[in-house]
PDB file of N, CA and C in Angstrom:
ATOM      1  N   MET A   1       0.886  -1.210  -0.084  1.00  0.00           N
ATOM      2  CA  MET A   1       0.026   0.080  -0.016  1.00  0.00           C
ATOM      3  C   MET A   1       0.928   1.152   0.074  1.00  0.00           C
ATOM      4  N   ASN A   2       1.021   1.786  -1.141  1.00  0.00           N
ATOM      5  CA  ASN A   2       1.839   3.010  -1.354  1.00  0.00           C
ATOM      6  C   ASN A   2       0.980   4.229  -1.433  1.00  0.00           C
ATOM      7  N   PHE A   3       0.807   4.890  -0.350  1.00  0.00           N
ATOM      8  CA  PHE A   3       0.265   6.249  -0.214  1.00  0.00           C
ATOM      9  C   PHE A   3       0.383   6.739   1.068  1.00  0.00           C
ATOM     10  N   GLU A   4       0.351   7.969   1.233  1.00  0.00           N
ATOM     11  CA  GLU A   4       0.505   8.772   2.470  1.00  0.00           C
ATOM     12  C   GLU A   4      -0.876   9.105   3.039  1.00  0.00           C
ATOM     13  N   PRO A   5      -1.151   8.443   4.177  1.00  0.00           N
ATOM     14  CA  PRO A   5      -2.497   8.752   4.876  1.00  0.00           C
ATOM     15  C   PRO A   5      -2.576  10.167   5.268  1.00  0.00           C
ATOM     16  N   GLN A   6      -3.839  10.727   5.109  1.00  0.00           N
ATOM     17  CA  GLN A   6      -4.097  12.147   5.255  1.00  0.00           C
ATOM     18  C   GLN A   6      -4.700  12.418   6.666  1.00  0.00           C
ATOM     19  N   THR A   7      -5.318  11.247   7.208  1.00  0.00           N
ATOM     20  CA  THR A   7      -6.018  11.429   8.533  1.00  0.00           C
ATOM     21  C   THR A   7      -5.539  10.275   9.433  1.00  0.00           C
ATOM     22  N   TYR A   8      -5.778  10.511  10.780  1.00  0.00           N
ATOM     23  CA  TYR A   8      -5.389   9.413  11.656  1.00  0.00           C
ATOM     24  C   TYR A   8      -6.314   8.038  11.439  1.00  0.00           C
ATOM     25  N   GLU A   9      -7.572   8.304  10.928  1.00  0.00           N
ATOM     26  CA  GLU A   9      -8.343   7.025  10.707  1.00  0.00           C
ATOM     27  C   GLU A   9      -7.826   6.266   9.429  1.00  0.00           C
ATOM     28  N   GLU A  10      -7.296   7.058   8.332  1.00  0.00           N
ATOM     29  CA  GLU A  10      -6.544   6.382   7.311  1.00  0.00           C
ATOM     30  C   GLU A  10      -5.386   5.655   7.687  1.00  0.00           C
ATOM     31  N   LEU A  11      -4.540   6.258   8.547  1.00  0.00           N
ATOM     32  CA  LEU A  11      -3.384   5.617   9.125  1.00  0.00           C
ATOM     33  C   LEU A  11      -3.518   4.327   9.804  1.00  0.00           C
ATOM     34  N   ILE A  12      -4.519   4.403  10.683  1.00  0.00           N
ATOM     35  CA  ILE A  12      -4.885   3.131  11.449  1.00  0.00           C
ATOM     36  C   ILE A  12      -5.393   2.013  10.496  1.00  0.00           C
ATOM     37  N   ARG A  13      -6.368   2.457   9.600  1.00  0.00           N
ATOM     38  CA  ARG A  13      -6.891   1.448   8.700  1.00  0.00           C
ATOM     39  C   ARG A  13      -5.835   0.782   7.793  1.00  0.00           C
ATOM     40  N   MET A  14      -4.875   1.704   7.344  1.00  0.00           N
ATOM     41  CA  MET A  14      -3.744   1.322   6.514  1.00  0.00           C
ATOM     42  C   MET A  14      -2.892   0.130   7.405  1.00  0.00           C
ATOM     43  N   LYS A  15      -2.642   0.581   8.699  1.00  0.00           N
ATOM     44  CA  LYS A  15      -1.847  -0.247   9.532  1.00  0.00           C
ATOM     45  C   LYS A  15      -2.472  -1.561   9.915  1.00  0.00           C
ATOM     46  N   ARG A  16      -3.892  -1.555   9.898  1.00  0.00           N
ATOM     47  CA  ARG A  16      -4.453  -2.981  10.136  1.00  0.00           C
ATOM     48  C   ARG A  16      -4.583  -3.807   8.915  1.00  0.00           C
ATOM     49  N   CYS A  17      -4.622  -3.002   7.740  1.00  0.00           N
ATOM     50  CA  CYS A  17      -4.413  -3.872   6.478  1.00  0.00           C
ATOM     51  C   CYS A  17      -3.061  -4.490   6.262  1.00  0.00           C
ATOM     52  N   VAL A  18      -2.153  -3.725   6.626  1.00  0.00           N
ATOM     53  CA  VAL A  18      -0.708  -4.349   6.548  1.00  0.00           C
ATOM     54  C   VAL A  18      -0.584  -5.369   7.485  1.00  0.00           C
ATOM     55  N   GLU A  19      -1.144  -5.124   8.830  1.00  0.00           N
ATOM     56  CA  GLU A  19      -1.040  -6.293   9.656  1.00  0.00           C
ATOM     57  C   GLU A  19      -1.735  -7.558   9.279  1.00  0.00           C
ATOM     58  N   LEU A  20      -2.787  -7.424   8.505  1.00  0.00           N
ATOM     59  CA  LEU A  20      -3.488  -8.502   7.790  1.00  0.00           C
ATOM     60  C   LEU A  20      -2.625  -9.493   7.016  1.00  0.00           C
ATOM     61  N   THR A  21      -1.626  -8.830   6.319  1.00  0.00           N
ATOM     62  CA  THR A  21      -0.731  -9.499   5.410  1.00  0.00           C
ATOM     63  C   THR A  21       0.181 -10.355   6.214  1.00  0.00           C
ATOM     64  N   LYS A  22       0.433 -10.138   7.524  1.00  0.00           N
ATOM     65  CA  LYS A  22       1.260 -10.998   8.229  1.00  0.00           C
ATOM     66  C   LYS A  22       0.655 -12.470   8.402  1.00  0.00           C
ATOM     67  N   TYR A  23      -0.701 -12.494   8.215  1.00  0.00           N
ATOM     68  CA  TYR A  23      -1.434 -13.861   8.513  1.00  0.00           C
ATOM     69  C   TYR A  23      -2.133 -14.334   7.238  1.00  0.00           C
ATOM     70  N   TYR A  24      -2.308 -13.553   6.150  1.00  0.00           N
ATOM     71  CA  TYR A  24      -2.989 -13.987   4.936  1.00  0.00           C
ATOM     72  C   TYR A  24      -2.153 -13.710   3.751  1.00  0.00           C
ATOM     73  N   GLU A  25      -2.428 -14.675   2.756  1.00  0.00           N
ATOM     74  CA  GLU A  25      -1.775 -14.323   1.372  1.00  0.00           C
ATOM     75  C   GLU A  25      -2.953 -13.547   0.603  1.00  0.00           C
ATOM     76  N   VAL A  26      -2.663 -12.372   0.450  1.00  0.00           N
ATOM     77  CA  VAL A  26      -3.563 -11.387  -0.363  1.00  0.00           C
ATOM     78  C   VAL A  26      -2.848 -10.633  -1.424  1.00  0.00           C
ATOM     79  N   THR A  27      -3.544 -10.337  -2.550  1.00  0.00           N
ATOM     80  CA  THR A  27      -2.884  -9.519  -3.542  1.00  0.00           C
ATOM     81  C   THR A  27      -3.012  -8.032  -3.128  1.00  0.00           C
ATOM     82  N   GLU A  28      -2.175  -7.164  -3.824  1.00  0.00           N
ATOM     83  CA  GLU A  28      -2.305  -5.751  -3.549  1.00  0.00           C
ATOM     84  C   GLU A  28      -3.838  -5.249  -3.904  1.00  0.00           C
ATOM     85  N   GLU A  29      -4.437  -5.794  -4.904  1.00  0.00           N
ATOM     86  CA  GLU A  29      -5.719  -5.523  -5.219  1.00  0.00           C
ATOM     87  C   GLU A  29      -6.728  -5.918  -4.208  1.00  0.00           C
ATOM     88  N   GLU A  30      -6.524  -7.094  -3.591  1.00  0.00           N
ATOM     89  CA  GLU A  30      -7.580  -7.510  -2.599  1.00  0.00           C
ATOM     90  C   GLU A  30      -7.315  -6.601  -1.316  1.00  0.00           C
ATOM     91  N   LEU A  31      -6.064  -6.224  -1.050  1.00  0.00           N
ATOM     92  CA  LEU A  31      -5.838  -5.451   0.097  1.00  0.00           C
ATOM     93  C   LEU A  31      -6.563  -4.012   0.027  1.00  0.00           C
ATOM     94  N   TRP A  32      -6.399  -3.521  -1.144  1.00  0.00           N
ATOM     95  CA  TRP A  32      -7.069  -2.188  -1.390  1.00  0.00           C
ATOM     96  C   TRP A  32      -8.666  -2.353  -1.322  1.00  0.00           C
ATOM     97  N   GLU A  33      -9.136  -3.471  -1.822  1.00  0.00           N
ATOM     98  CA  GLU A  33     -10.598  -3.723  -1.825  1.00  0.00           C
ATOM     99  C   GLU A  33     -10.969  -3.792  -0.281  1.00  0.00           C
ATOM    100  N   ILE A  34     -10.201  -4.313   0.631  1.00  0.00           N
ATOM    101  CA  ILE A  34     -10.512  -4.443   2.050  1.00  0.00           C
ATOM    102  C   ILE A  34     -10.472  -3.141   2.659  1.00  0.00           C
ATOM    103  N   TYR A  35      -9.344  -2.451   2.244  1.00  0.00           N
ATOM    104  CA  TYR A  35      -9.158  -0.985   2.712  1.00  0.00           C
ATOM    105  C   TYR A  35     -10.237  -0.094   2.436  1.00  0.00           C
ATOM    106  N   HIS A  36     -10.873  -0.150   1.170  1.00  0.00           N
ATOM    107  CA  HIS A  36     -11.905   0.624   0.772  1.00  0.00           C
ATOM    108  C   HIS A  36     -13.236   0.227   1.359  1.00  0.00           C
ATOM    109  N   PHE A  37     -13.339  -1.019   1.583  1.00  0.00           N
ATOM    110  CA  PHE A  37     -14.634  -1.604   2.043  1.00  0.00           C
ATOM    111  C   PHE A  37     -14.794  -1.205   3.575  1.00  0.00           C
ATOM    112  N   LEU A  38     -13.626  -1.126   4.354  1.00  0.00           N
ATOM    113  CA  LEU A  38     -13.666  -0.652   5.786  1.00  0.00           C
ATOM    114  C   LEU A  38     -13.933   0.855   5.791  1.00  0.00           C
ATOM    115  N   GLU A  39     -13.424   1.440   4.823  1.00  0.00           N
ATOM    116  CA  GLU A  39     -13.566   2.982   4.719  1.00  0.00           C
ATOM    117  C   GLU A  39     -14.939   3.405   4.376  1.00  0.00           C
ATOM    118  N   GLN A  40     -15.682   2.585   3.511  1.00  0.00           N
ATOM    119  CA  GLN A  40     -17.056   3.032   3.164  1.00  0.00           C
ATOM    120  C   GLN A  40     -18.185   2.607   3.860  1.00  0.00           C
ATOM    121  N   GLU A  41     -18.005   1.594   4.669  1.00  0.00           N
ATOM    122  CA  GLU A  41     -19.103   0.992   5.388  1.00  0.00           C
ATOM    123  C   GLU A  41     -18.717   1.184   6.958  1.00  0.00           C
ATOM    124  N   PRO A  42     -19.465   1.938   7.712  1.00  0.00           N
ATOM    125  CA  PRO A  42     -19.109   2.247   9.204  1.00  0.00           C
ATOM    126  C   PRO A  42     -19.314   0.873   9.968  1.00  0.00           C
ATOM    127  N   GLU A  43     -20.238   0.045   9.607  1.00  0.00           N
ATOM    128  CA  GLU A  43     -20.358  -1.263  10.473  1.00  0.00           C
ATOM    129  C   GLU A  43     -19.623  -2.418   9.623  1.00  0.00           C
ATOM    130  N   ALA A  44     -18.700  -2.176   8.865  1.00  0.00           N
ATOM    131  CA  ALA A  44     -18.065  -3.265   8.003  1.00  0.00           C
ATOM    132  C   ALA A  44     -16.928  -3.946   9.016  1.00  0.00           C
ATOM    133  N   PHE A  45     -16.891  -5.163   8.881  1.00  0.00           N
ATOM    134  CA  PHE A  45     -15.675  -6.008   9.461  1.00  0.00           C
ATOM    135  C   PHE A  45     -15.257  -7.208   8.505  1.00  0.00           C
ATOM    136  N   ILE A  46     -14.080  -7.523   8.701  1.00  0.00           N
ATOM    137  CA  ILE A  46     -13.526  -8.619   8.030  1.00  0.00           C
ATOM    138  C   ILE A  46     -13.358  -9.842   8.960  1.00  0.00           C
ATOM    139  N   LYS A  47     -13.956 -10.895   8.561  1.00  0.00           N
ATOM    140  CA  LYS A  47     -13.768 -12.134   9.482  1.00  0.00           C
ATOM    141  C   LYS A  47     -12.896 -13.072   8.666  1.00  0.00           C
ATOM    142  N   GLY A  48     -11.739 -13.676   9.098  1.00  0.00           N
ATOM    143  CA  GLY A  48     -10.866 -14.481   8.480  1.00  0.00           C
ATOM    144  C   GLY A  48     -10.941 -15.777   9.066  1.00  0.00           C
ATOM    145  N   GLY A  49     -10.944 -16.920   8.233  1.00  0.00           N
ATOM    146  CA  GLY A  49     -10.892 -18.178   8.698  1.00  0.00           C
ATOM    147  C   GLY A  49      -9.474 -18.790   8.176  1.00  0.00           C
ATOM    148  N   ARG A  50      -9.451 -20.142   7.992  1.00  0.00           N
ATOM    149  CA  ARG A  50      -8.324 -20.776   7.582  1.00  0.00           C
ATOM    150  C   ARG A  50      -8.082 -20.610   6.153  1.00  0.00           C
ATOM    151  N   GLN A  51      -9.081 -20.450   5.233  1.00  0.00           N
ATOM    152  CA  GLN A  51      -8.837 -20.277   3.906  1.00  0.00           C
ATOM    153  C   GLN A  51      -9.504 -19.075   3.255  1.00  0.00           C
ATOM    154  N   ASN A  52     -10.199 -18.259   3.965  1.00  0.00           N
ATOM    155  CA  ASN A  52     -10.785 -17.198   3.253  1.00  0.00           C
ATOM    156  C   ASN A  52     -11.056 -16.002   4.269  1.00  0.00           C
ATOM    157  N   LEU A  53     -11.267 -14.902   3.666  1.00  0.00           N
ATOM    158  CA  LEU A  53     -11.697 -13.593   4.291  1.00  0.00           C
ATOM    159  C   LEU A  53     -13.096 -13.172   3.900  1.00  0.00           C
ATOM    160  N   SER A  54     -14.004 -12.918   4.744  1.00  0.00           N
ATOM    161  CA  SER A  54     -15.393 -12.611   4.539  1.00  0.00           C
ATOM    162  C   SER A  54     -15.604 -11.059   4.797  1.00  0.00           C
ATOM    163  N   LEU A  55     -15.949 -10.386   4.029  1.00  0.00           N
ATOM    164  CA  LEU A  55     -16.256  -8.967   3.984  1.00  0.00           C
ATOM    165  C   LEU A  55     -17.755  -8.822   4.398  1.00  0.00           C
ATOM    166  N   ILE A  56     -18.052  -8.325   5.681  1.00  0.00           N
ATOM    167  CA  ILE A  56     -19.274  -8.477   6.381  1.00  0.00           C
ATOM    168  C   ILE A  56     -19.741  -7.039   6.784  1.00  0.00           C
ATOM    169  N   ILE A  57     -21.160  -6.840   6.563  1.00  0.00           N
ATOM    170  CA  ILE A  57     -21.591  -5.451   7.135  1.00  0.00           C
ATOM    171  C   ILE A  57     -22.564  -5.810   8.282  1.00  0.00           C
ATOM    172  N   GLY A  58     -22.538  -5.089   9.332  1.00  0.00           N
ATOM    173  CA  GLY A  58     -23.335  -5.357  10.455  1.00  0.00           C
ATOM    174  C   GLY A  58     -23.201  -6.402  11.335  1.00  0.00           C
ATOM    175  N   GLN A  59     -23.371  -6.144  12.607  1.00  0.00           N
ATOM    176  CA  GLN A  59     -23.235  -7.213  13.592  1.00  0.00           C
ATOM    177  C   GLN A  59     -24.508  -7.935  13.859  1.00  0.00           C
ATOM    178  N   ASN A  60     -25.515  -7.309  14.018  1.00  0.00           N
ATOM    179  CA  ASN A  60     -26.889  -8.060  14.377  1.00  0.00           C
ATOM    180  C   ASN A  60     -27.538  -8.816  13.277  1.00  0.00           C
ATOM    181  N   THR A  61     -27.470  -7.991  12.133  1.00  0.00           N
ATOM    182  CA  THR A  61     -28.076  -8.562  10.839  1.00  0.00           C
ATOM    183  C   THR A  61     -26.889  -8.695   9.802  1.00  0.00           C
ATOM    184  N   ALA A  62     -25.893  -9.470  10.208  1.00  0.00           N
ATOM    185  CA  ALA A  62     -24.682  -9.666   9.355  1.00  0.00           C
ATOM    186  C   ALA A  62     -25.068 -10.164   7.986  1.00  0.00           C
ATOM    187  N   LYS A  63     -24.494  -9.346   7.051  1.00  0.00           N
ATOM    188  CA  LYS A  63     -24.625  -9.787   5.654  1.00  0.00           C
ATOM    189  C   LYS A  63     -23.333  -9.829   5.039  1.00  0.00           C
ATOM    190  N   THR A  64     -22.803 -11.030   4.376  1.00  0.00           N
ATOM    191  CA  THR A  64     -21.604 -11.347   3.718  1.00  0.00           C
ATOM    192  C   THR A  64     -21.691 -10.588   2.373  1.00  0.00           C
ATOM    193  N   GLN A  65     -20.889  -9.554   2.265  1.00  0.00           N
ATOM    194  CA  GLN A  65     -20.854  -8.891   0.929  1.00  0.00           C
ATOM    195  C   GLN A  65     -19.892  -9.511  -0.122  1.00  0.00           C
ATOM    196  N   LYS A  66     -18.838 -10.146   0.373  1.00  0.00           N
ATOM    197  CA  LYS A  66     -18.015 -10.871  -0.620  1.00  0.00           C
ATOM    198  C   LYS A  66     -17.179 -11.752   0.275  1.00  0.00           C
ATOM    199  N   VAL A  67     -16.554 -12.817  -0.448  1.00  0.00           N
ATOM    200  CA  VAL A  67     -15.618 -13.776   0.164  1.00  0.00           C
ATOM    201  C   VAL A  67     -14.415 -13.756  -0.742  1.00  0.00           C
ATOM    202  N   ILE A  68     -13.295 -13.413  -0.116  1.00  0.00           N
ATOM    203  CA  ILE A  68     -12.093 -13.457  -0.736  1.00  0.00           C
ATOM    204  C   ILE A  68     -11.262 -14.771  -0.337  1.00  0.00           C
ATOM    205  N   MET A  69     -10.949 -15.621  -1.393  1.00  0.00           N
ATOM    206  CA  MET A  69     -10.190 -16.652  -1.053  1.00  0.00           C
ATOM    207  C   MET A  69      -8.709 -16.346  -0.700  1.00  0.00           C
ATOM    208  N   ALA A  70      -8.283 -16.587   0.505  1.00  0.00           N
ATOM    209  CA  ALA A  70      -6.962 -16.239   0.976  1.00  0.00           C
ATOM    210  C   ALA A  70      -6.512 -17.170   2.040  1.00  0.00           C
ATOM    211  N   ASN A  71      -5.432 -17.827   1.728  1.00  0.00           N
ATOM    212  CA  ASN A  71      -4.973 -18.810   2.789  1.00  0.00           C
ATOM    213  C   ASN A  71      -4.303 -18.355   3.903  1.00  0.00           C
ATOM    214  N   CYS A  72      -4.582 -18.681   5.035  1.00  0.00           N
ATOM    215  CA  CYS A  72      -3.995 -18.193   6.283  1.00  0.00           C
ATOM    216  C   CYS A  72      -2.573 -18.900   6.342  1.00  0.00           C
ATOM    217  N   THR A  73      -1.579 -17.949   6.461  1.00  0.00           N
ATOM    218  CA  THR A  73      -0.240 -18.490   6.473  1.00  0.00           C
ATOM    219  C   THR A  73       0.484 -18.853   7.863  1.00  0.00           C
ATOM    220  N   ASP A  74      -0.386 -18.605   8.860  1.00  0.00           N
ATOM    221  CA  ASP A  74       0.048 -18.719  10.299  1.00  0.00           C
ATOM    222  C   ASP A  74      -0.697 -19.885  10.919  1.00  0.00           C
ATOM    223  N   SER A  75      -0.014 -21.119  11.106  1.00  0.00           N
ATOM    224  CA  SER A  75      -0.778 -22.328  11.487  1.00  0.00           C
ATOM    225  C   SER A  75      -0.981 -22.036  13.058  1.00  0.00           C
ATOM    226  N   SER A  76      -0.589 -21.045  13.810  1.00  0.00           N
ATOM    227  CA  SER A  76      -0.886 -20.839  15.214  1.00  0.00           C
ATOM    228  C   SER A  76      -2.072 -20.162  15.510  1.00  0.00           C
ATOM    229  N   ILE A  77      -2.843 -19.747  14.454  1.00  0.00           N
ATOM    230  CA  ILE A  77      -4.154 -19.032  14.595  1.00  0.00           C
ATOM    231  C   ILE A  77      -5.242 -19.688  13.716  1.00  0.00           C
ATOM    232  N   ASP A  78      -6.507 -19.535  14.183  1.00  0.00           N
ATOM    233  CA  ASP A  78      -7.608 -20.077  13.576  1.00  0.00           C
ATOM    234  C   ASP A  78      -8.309 -19.054  12.826  1.00  0.00           C
ATOM    235  N   GLY A  79      -8.024 -17.763  13.004  1.00  0.00           N
ATOM    236  CA  GLY A  79      -8.664 -16.650  12.222  1.00  0.00           C
ATOM    237  C   GLY A  79      -8.294 -15.314  12.738  1.00  0.00           C
ATOM    238  N   ILE A  80      -9.111 -14.289  12.089  1.00  0.00           N
ATOM    239  CA  ILE A  80      -8.925 -12.874  12.647  1.00  0.00           C
ATOM    240  C   ILE A  80     -10.319 -12.129  12.648  1.00  0.00           C
ATOM    241  N   LEU A  81     -10.185 -11.090  13.344  1.00  0.00           N
ATOM    242  CA  LEU A  81     -11.425 -10.133  13.088  1.00  0.00           C
ATOM    243  C   LEU A  81     -10.960  -8.835  12.876  1.00  0.00           C
ATOM    244  N   LEU A  82     -11.301  -8.209  11.964  1.00  0.00           N
ATOM    245  CA  LEU A  82     -10.622  -6.769  11.650  1.00  0.00           C
ATOM    246  C   LEU A  82     -11.817  -5.808  11.459  1.00  0.00           C
ATOM    247  N   SER A  83     -11.798  -4.616  12.068  1.00  0.00           N
ATOM    248  CA  SER A  83     -12.872  -3.713  11.780  1.00  0.00           C
ATOM    249  C   SER A  83     -12.244  -2.358  11.852  1.00  0.00           C
ATOM    250  N   ARG A  84     -13.057  -1.339  11.899  1.00  0.00           N
ATOM    251  CA  ARG A  84     -12.542   0.007  12.086  1.00  0.00           C
ATOM    252  C   ARG A  84     -12.037   0.263  13.410  1.00  0.00           C
ATOM    253  N   THR A  85     -12.480  -0.448  14.471  1.00  0.00           N
ATOM    254  CA  THR A  85     -12.267  -0.288  15.884  1.00  0.00           C
ATOM    255  C   THR A  85     -11.180  -1.137  16.344  1.00  0.00           C
ATOM    256  N   GLY A  86     -10.725  -2.190  15.682  1.00  0.00           N
ATOM    257  CA  GLY A  86      -9.864  -3.246  16.281  1.00  0.00           C
ATOM    258  C   GLY A  86      -9.439  -4.403  15.317  1.00  0.00           C
ATOM    259  N   PHE A  87      -8.459  -5.009  15.747  1.00  0.00           N
ATOM    260  CA  PHE A  87      -7.908  -6.231  14.987  1.00  0.00           C
ATOM    261  C   PHE A  87      -7.730  -7.278  16.013  1.00  0.00           C
ATOM    262  N   LYS A  88      -8.352  -8.328  15.966  1.00  0.00           N
ATOM    263  CA  LYS A  88      -8.305  -9.496  16.907  1.00  0.00           C
ATOM    264  C   LYS A  88      -7.835 -10.792  16.209  1.00  0.00           C
ATOM    265  N   VAL A  89      -6.876 -11.403  16.841  1.00  0.00           N
ATOM    266  CA  VAL A  89      -6.349 -12.625  16.257  1.00  0.00           C
ATOM    267  C   VAL A  89      -6.859 -13.689  17.222  1.00  0.00           C
ATOM    268  N   PHE A  90      -7.415 -14.837  16.531  1.00  0.00           N
ATOM    269  CA  PHE A  90      -7.814 -15.960  17.310  1.00  0.00           C
ATOM    270  C   PHE A  90      -6.894 -17.052  17.406  1.00  0.00           C
ATOM    271  N   PRO A  91      -6.287 -17.412  18.496  1.00  0.00           N
ATOM    272  CA  PRO A  91      -5.145 -18.430  18.453  1.00  0.00           C
ATOM    273  C   PRO A  91      -5.838 -19.853  18.098  1.00  0.00           C
ATOM    274  N   HIS A  92      -5.027 -20.620  17.585  1.00  0.00           N
ATOM    275  CA  HIS A  92      -5.403 -22.011  17.283  1.00  0.00           C
ATOM    276  C   HIS A  92      -5.890 -22.747  18.561  1.00  0.00           C
ATOM    277  N   TYR A  93      -7.060 -23.412  18.567  1.00  0.00           N
ATOM    278  CA  TYR A  93      -7.626 -24.053  19.663  1.00  0.00           C
ATOM    279  C   TYR A  93      -7.489 -25.575  19.499  1.00  0.00           C
ATOM    280  N   THR A  94      -6.844 -26.096  20.572  1.00  0.00           N
ATOM    281  CA  THR A  94      -6.564 -27.557  20.484  1.00  0.00           C
ATOM    282  C   THR A  94      -7.399 -28.083  21.747  1.00  0.00           C
ATOM    283  N   PRO A  95      -8.477 -28.864  21.531  1.00  0.00           N
ATOM    284  CA  PRO A  95      -9.185 -29.353  22.661  1.00  0.00           C
ATOM    285  C   PRO A  95      -8.294 -30.361  23.589  1.00  0.00           C
ATOM    286  N   SER A  96      -8.479 -30.216  24.856  1.00  0.00           N
ATOM    287  CA  SER A  96      -7.684 -30.917  25.805  1.00  0.00           C
ATOM    288  C   SER A  96      -8.395 -32.337  25.814  1.00  0.00           C
ATOM    289  N   SER A  97      -7.690 -33.309  26.423  1.00  0.00           N
ATOM    290  CA  SER A  97      -8.375 -34.718  26.621  1.00  0.00           C
ATOM    291  C   SER A  97      -9.237 -34.581  27.847  1.00  0.00           C
ATOM    292  N   GLY A  98      -9.102 -33.649  28.733  1.00  0.00           N
ATOM    293  CA  GLY A  98      -9.910 -33.651  29.886  1.00  0.00           C
ATOM    294  C   GLY A  98      -9.351 -34.494  31.016  1.00  0.00           C
ATOM    295  N   SER A  99     -10.273 -34.762  31.958  1.00  0.00           N
ATOM    296  CA  SER A  99      -9.791 -35.594  33.211  1.00  0.00           C
ATOM    297  C   SER A  99     -10.245 -37.066  33.085  1.00  0.00           C
ATOM    298  N   GLY A 100     -10.674 -37.552  31.946  1.00  0.00           N
ATOM    299  CA  GLY A 100     -11.178 -38.785  31.743  1.00  0.00           C
ATOM    300  C   GLY A 100     -10.399 -39.989  32.378  1.00  0.00           C
ATOM    301  N   SER A 101      -9.691 -40.779  31.494  1.00  0.00           N
ATOM    302  CA  SER A 101      -8.955 -41.919  32.057  1.00  0.00           C
ATOM    303  C   SER A 101      -7.689 -41.463  32.881  1.00  0.00           C
ATOM    304  N   SER A 102      -6.961 -40.563  32.400  1.00  0.00           N
ATOM    305  CA  SER A 102      -5.701 -40.186  33.041  1.00  0.00           C
ATOM    306  C   SER A 102      -5.820 -39.963  34.439  1.00  0.00           C
ATOM    307  N   GLY A 103      -6.927 -38.916  34.706  1.00  0.00           N
ATOM    308  CA  GLY A 103      -7.164 -38.569  36.129  1.00  0.00           C
ATOM    309  C   GLY A 103      -7.562 -39.820  37.018  1.00  0.00           C
ATOM    310  N   GLY A 104      -8.337 -40.731  36.496  1.00  0.00           N
ATOM    311  CA  GLY A 104      -8.815 -41.860  37.259  1.00  0.00           C
ATOM    312  C   GLY A 104      -7.572 -42.848  37.581  1.00  0.00           C
ATOM    313  N   SER A 105      -6.680 -42.906  36.687  1.00  0.00           N
ATOM    314  CA  SER A 105      -5.626 -43.889  36.854  1.00  0.00           C
ATOM    315  C   SER A 105      -4.690 -43.356  37.898  1.00  0.00           C
ATOM    316  N   SER A 106      -4.498 -42.056  37.921  1.00  0.00           N
ATOM    317  CA  SER A 106      -3.603 -41.334  38.783  1.00  0.00           C
ATOM    318  C   SER A 106      -4.171 -41.432  40.272  1.00  0.00           C
ATOM    319  N   SER A 107      -5.402 -41.363  40.363  1.00  0.00           N
ATOM    320  CA  SER A 107      -5.926 -41.312  41.807  1.00  0.00           C
ATOM    321  C   SER A 107      -5.852 -42.807  42.262  1.00  0.00           C
ATOM    322  N   ASN A 108      -6.100 -43.847  41.313  1.00  0.00           N
ATOM    323  CA  ASN A 108      -6.024 -45.134  41.788  1.00  0.00           C
ATOM    324  C   ASN A 108      -4.514 -45.536  42.195  1.00  0.00           C
ATOM    325  N   ASN A 109      -3.569 -44.853  41.661  1.00  0.00           N
ATOM    326  CA  ASN A 109      -2.126 -45.186  42.101  1.00  0.00           C
ATOM    327  C   ASN A 109      -1.976 -44.489  43.448  1.00  0.00           C
ATOM    328  N   ASN A 110      -2.550 -43.412  43.628  1.00  0.00           N
ATOM    329  CA  ASN A 110      -2.395 -42.751  45.055  1.00  0.00           C
ATOM    330  C   ASN A 110      -3.165 -43.619  46.034  1.00  0.00           C
ATOM    331  N   ASN A 111      -4.248 -44.293  45.732  1.00  0.00           N
ATOM    332  CA  ASN A 111      -4.925 -45.206  46.671  1.00  0.00           C
ATOM    333  C   ASN A 111      -3.968 -46.530  46.891  1.00  0.00           C
ATOM    334  N   ASN A 112      -3.421 -46.959  45.901  1.00  0.00           N
ATOM    335  CA  ASN A 112      -2.410 -48.078  46.030  1.00  0.00           C
ATOM    336  C   ASN A 112      -1.222 -47.764  46.912  1.00  0.00           C
ATOM    337  N   ASN A 113      -0.706 -46.460  46.730  1.00  0.00           N
ATOM    338  CA  ASN A 113       0.350 -46.075  47.445  1.00  0.00           C
ATOM    339  C   ASN A 113       0.054 -45.932  48.969  1.00  0.00           C
ATOM    340  N   ASN A 114      -1.172 -45.505  49.181  1.00  0.00           N
ATOM    341  CA  ASN A 114      -1.678 -45.233  50.603  1.00  0.00           C
ATOM    342  C   ASN A 114      -1.879 -46.608  51.230  1.00  0.00           C
ATOM    343  N   ASN A 115      -2.349 -47.563  50.399  1.00  0.00           N
ATOM    344  CA  ASN A 115      -2.667 -48.904  51.044  1.00  0.00           C
ATOM    345  C   ASN A 115      -1.264 -49.601  51.363  1.00  0.00           C
ATOM    346  N   ASN A 116      -0.275 -49.368  50.458  1.00  0.00           N
ATOM    347  CA  ASN A 116       1.004 -49.943  50.640  1.00  0.00           C
ATOM    348  C   ASN A 116       1.663 -49.398  51.983  1.00  0.00           C
ATOM    349  N   ASN A 117       1.588 -48.027  52.044  1.00  0.00           N
ATOM    350  CA  ASN A 117       2.137 -47.301  53.205  1.00  0.00           C
ATOM    351  C   ASN A 117       1.514 -47.813  54.505  1.00  0.00           C
ATOM    352  N   ASN A 118       0.148 -47.950  54.552  1.00  0.00           N
ATOM    353  CA  ASN A 118      -0.645 -48.409  55.686  1.00  0.00           C
ATOM    354  C   ASN A 118      -0.062 -49.798  56.037  1.00  0.00           C
ATOM    355  N   ASN A 119       0.057 -50.600  55.222  1.00  0.00           N
ATOM    356  CA  ASN A 119       0.622 -52.139  55.377  1.00  0.00           C
ATOM    357  C   ASN A 119       1.992 -52.019  55.978  1.00  0.00           C
ATOM    358  N   ASN A 120       2.830 -51.214  55.380  1.00  0.00           N
ATOM    359  CA  ASN A 120       4.119 -51.157  55.876  1.00  0.00           C
ATOM    360  C   ASN A 120       4.267 -50.610  57.394  1.00  0.00           C
ATOM    361  N   ASN A 121       3.326 -49.623  57.813  1.00  0.00           N
ATOM    362  CA  ASN A 121       3.328 -49.029  59.019  1.00  0.00           C
ATOM    363  C   ASN A 121       2.925 -50.051  60.142  1.00  0.00           C
ATOM    364  N   ARG A 122       2.165 -51.089  59.808  1.00  0.00           N
ATOM    365  CA  ARG A 122       1.565 -52.133  60.786  1.00  0.00           C
ATOM    366  C   ARG A 122       2.708 -52.929  61.396  1.00  0.00           C
TER     367      ARG A 122
END
C-alpha cells in the first residue's frame, strides 16, 4: 500500500490492512478492496478463517458482501476479526483430553500407595 495517509483514521486502517498481510496471502488489489470496504461502510468488518476472508456488514443482521479466497499463512491461529475499531487474532484451539482416564488412573495409584504405606506401618 503505497500512499500517504491524510488522517489518523486512514493511518490506522492502513496499519490494520498491513497487519492482515502477516497472517494471510492477499494480493495488492485485494488489500485495497479490504481497505476501501472498511472505509466506506461504518459497520464493516472482515472475518478471516483458515482459507478465506469474509467482508461483512453489520453485527446483528450480518450480511456477507464478498468472500476473498486467501490462505492463512500462520498455523498458530484459527482466524482474525478486523474492523474500524480493532484487530483481533484468534489463536489455534486444540481441545484437551480432559480428566477422563488419566485422572482416574492417577487417583488409583495414590490409593495403592496409601494402602502400601498403611501395610508397611503395621
